């Protein structure tokens, strides 16, 4: 029964990840986000083409997909750092980046990954998100900010007391 529940949760996490936040939000503004800018259906492309307010909505929705997936695993296992939480995070990011519903062409997974990390490592995530925001504002390159926080992430979660396998 435990394996069945784990398979169902990981499948649900992937399905949550496939929710096309950018396409829906941009569609409300009569824009096919895959046809403008980088063509990537993610928050960065929405920000560049529709502005910060609309992009922020997509960013938060993308974060919520993985946060919900990790939160469900936490509820089921009663342990935020259970390996199932990490599997659900991975599945949600995979669903966002390679959604079967969009011919495996999705976003980059940064916001989704950040949402799951907020549940797993709230303090580190808050510091890294703040850093990402400042770096994005100063460099005008979300990609540079994303790479920088990706490098800093293991150090932050180590500081929060993560076990070696979590890093």
Protein backbone atom coordinates (compact mmCIF):
# COMPACT_ATOMS: atom_id res chain seq x y z
CA UNK A 1 0.00 0.00 0.00
CA UNK A 2 2.86 2.44 0.79
CA UNK A 3 4.35 2.00 -2.67
CA UNK A 4 0.95 2.63 -4.25
CA UNK A 5 0.57 5.88 -2.27
CA UNK A 6 4.08 6.97 -3.24
CA UNK A 7 3.41 6.27 -6.92
CA UNK A 8 0.13 8.19 -6.73
CA UNK A 9 1.80 11.18 -5.03
CA UNK A 10 4.68 11.32 -7.50
CA UNK A 11 2.21 11.03 -10.40
CA UNK A 12 0.08 13.79 -8.91
CA UNK A 13 3.20 15.95 -8.48
CA UNK A 14 4.08 15.51 -12.16
CA UNK A 15 0.48 16.37 -13.12
CA UNK A 16 0.60 19.50 -10.94
CA UNK A 17 3.83 20.50 -12.67
CA UNK A 18 2.20 20.29 -16.08
CA UNK A 19 -0.32 23.02 -15.21
CA UNK A 20 0.43 25.66 -17.89
CA UNK A 21 0.52 28.78 -15.70
CA UNK A 22 2.30 31.00 -18.23
CA UNK A 23 0.10 29.92 -21.13
CA UNK A 24 -3.11 30.52 -19.18
CA UNK A 25 -2.08 33.87 -17.71
CA UNK A 26 -0.67 35.13 -21.04
CA UNK A 27 -3.73 33.76 -22.83
CA UNK A 28 -5.93 35.96 -20.63
CA UNK A 29 -4.01 38.87 -22.18
CA UNK A 30 -4.56 37.44 -25.69
CA UNK A 31 -0.93 36.39 -26.10
CA UNK A 32 0.52 33.01 -27.00
CA UNK A 33 3.64 33.12 -24.84
CA UNK A 34 5.28 30.38 -26.89
CA UNK A 35 5.21 32.64 -29.97
CA UNK A 36 6.98 35.68 -28.47
CA UNK A 37 10.33 36.41 -26.87
CA UNK A 38 12.27 33.26 -26.12
CA UNK A 39 9.16 31.14 -26.74
CA UNK A 40 9.63 29.60 -23.31
CA UNK A 41 6.38 29.20 -21.34
CA UNK A 42 7.87 30.44 -18.09
CA UNK A 43 7.79 33.42 -15.77
CA UNK A 44 10.87 35.13 -17.25
CA UNK A 45 9.40 35.24 -20.74
CA UNK A 46 6.10 36.51 -19.36
CA UNK A 47 7.92 39.25 -17.44
CA UNK A 48 9.77 40.33 -20.58
CA UNK A 49 6.63 40.39 -22.72
CA UNK A 50 3.81 41.31 -20.36
CA UNK A 51 5.50 43.08 -17.43
CA UNK A 52 6.33 42.39 -13.81
CA UNK A 53 2.82 42.14 -12.45
CA UNK A 54 1.75 39.46 -14.91
CA UNK A 55 5.12 37.72 -14.64
CA UNK A 56 4.88 37.71 -10.86
CA UNK A 57 1.50 35.97 -11.08
CA UNK A 58 3.06 33.25 -13.26
CA UNK A 59 6.08 33.01 -10.96
CA UNK A 60 3.86 32.50 -7.90
CA UNK A 61 1.65 29.97 -9.68
CA UNK A 62 4.73 28.03 -10.83
CA UNK A 63 6.09 28.09 -7.29
CA UNK A 64 2.75 26.88 -5.93
CA UNK A 65 2.76 23.80 -8.18
CA UNK A 66 5.84 22.32 -6.53
CA UNK A 67 5.08 23.68 -3.07
CA UNK A 68 1.74 21.86 -3.11
CA UNK A 69 3.39 18.66 -4.35
CA UNK A 70 6.00 18.74 -1.57
CA UNK A 71 3.39 19.75 0.98
CA UNK A 72 1.21 16.76 0.09
CA UNK A 73 4.18 14.41 0.56
CA UNK A 74 4.93 16.06 3.91
CA UNK A 75 1.32 15.55 5.02
CA UNK A 76 1.34 11.89 4.01
CA UNK A 77 4.74 11.04 5.51
CA UNK A 78 4.59 13.45 8.46
CA UNK A 79 8.23 14.28 7.66
CA UNK A 80 9.11 17.31 5.57
CA UNK A 81 12.48 15.80 4.65
CA UNK A 82 11.26 12.33 3.75
CA UNK A 83 12.72 11.14 0.42
CA UNK A 84 9.17 11.14 -0.99
CA UNK A 85 9.11 14.95 -0.62
CA UNK A 86 12.18 15.18 -2.84
CA UNK A 87 10.72 12.76 -5.37
CA UNK A 88 7.56 14.86 -5.53
CA UNK A 89 9.63 18.02 -5.98
CA UNK A 90 11.57 16.38 -8.80
CA UNK A 91 8.35 15.15 -10.42
CA UNK A 92 6.76 18.62 -10.24
CA UNK A 93 9.84 20.22 -11.82
CA UNK A 94 9.87 17.50 -14.46
CA UNK A 95 6.19 18.13 -15.18
CA UNK A 96 6.83 21.86 -15.50
CA UNK A 97 9.88 21.45 -17.74
CA UNK A 98 8.67 18.49 -19.81
CA UNK A 99 4.87 18.47 -19.75
CA UNK A 100 3.35 15.63 -21.71
CA UNK A 101 0.41 17.93 -22.45
CA UNK A 102 2.66 20.39 -24.34
CA UNK A 103 4.78 17.90 -26.29
CA UNK A 104 7.45 17.97 -23.56
CA UNK A 105 8.19 21.69 -24.10
CA UNK A 106 7.83 23.57 -20.85
CA UNK A 107 9.53 26.14 -18.67
CA UNK A 108 12.96 26.02 -17.11
CA UNK A 109 11.74 24.89 -13.69
CA UNK A 110 13.39 27.61 -11.63
CA UNK A 111 10.20 28.97 -10.04
CA UNK A 112 8.80 25.47 -9.53
CA UNK A 113 12.03 24.35 -7.90
CA UNK A 114 11.97 27.43 -5.71
CA UNK A 115 8.43 26.70 -4.56
CA UNK A 116 9.34 23.20 -3.44
CA UNK A 117 12.49 24.47 -1.75
CA UNK A 118 10.43 27.01 0.19
CA UNK A 119 8.61 24.11 1.82
CA UNK A 120 11.76 22.06 2.41
CA UNK A 121 14.15 24.85 3.41
CA UNK A 122 12.23 28.04 4.18
CA UNK A 123 15.08 30.15 5.59
CA UNK A 124 17.52 29.35 2.80
CA UNK A 125 14.79 29.88 0.21
CA UNK A 126 13.89 33.28 1.61
CA UNK A 127 17.53 34.41 1.53
CA UNK A 128 18.11 33.00 -1.96
CA UNK A 129 14.86 34.42 -3.34
CA UNK A 130 15.80 37.85 -2.01
CA UNK A 131 19.24 37.46 -3.59
CA UNK A 132 17.68 36.35 -6.88
CA UNK A 133 15.45 39.42 -6.90
CA UNK A 134 18.34 41.83 -6.22
CA UNK A 135 20.57 40.15 -8.81
CA UNK A 136 17.81 40.17 -11.41
CA UNK A 137 17.12 43.85 -10.80
CA UNK A 138 20.81 44.81 -10.98
CA UNK A 139 21.93 42.61 -13.88
CA UNK A 140 18.60 42.52 -15.77
CA UNK A 141 19.33 38.81 -16.35
CA UNK A 142 17.18 36.26 -14.54
CA UNK A 143 19.46 33.52 -15.88
CA UNK A 144 22.52 34.90 -14.07
CA UNK A 145 20.54 35.25 -10.85
CA UNK A 146 19.18 31.71 -11.21
CA UNK A 147 22.63 30.21 -11.77
CA UNK A 148 24.05 32.13 -8.82
CA UNK A 149 21.42 30.93 -6.38
CA UNK A 150 21.74 27.39 -7.73
CA UNK A 151 25.41 27.45 -6.78
CA UNK A 152 24.63 28.95 -3.35
CA UNK A 153 21.79 26.51 -2.61
CA UNK A 154 23.86 23.59 -1.24
CA UNK A 155 25.65 25.91 1.19
CA UNK A 156 22.36 27.33 2.42
CA UNK A 157 20.70 24.00 3.02
CA UNK A 158 23.87 22.74 4.76
CA UNK A 159 23.59 25.77 7.04
CA UNK A 160 19.98 24.81 7.80
CA UNK A 161 21.21 21.42 9.00
CA UNK A 162 20.43 19.23 6.00
CA UNK A 163 21.80 15.73 5.93
CA UNK A 164 24.41 14.90 3.29
CA UNK A 165 21.96 13.06 1.03
CA UNK A 166 19.70 16.15 0.90
CA UNK A 167 22.49 18.36 -0.44
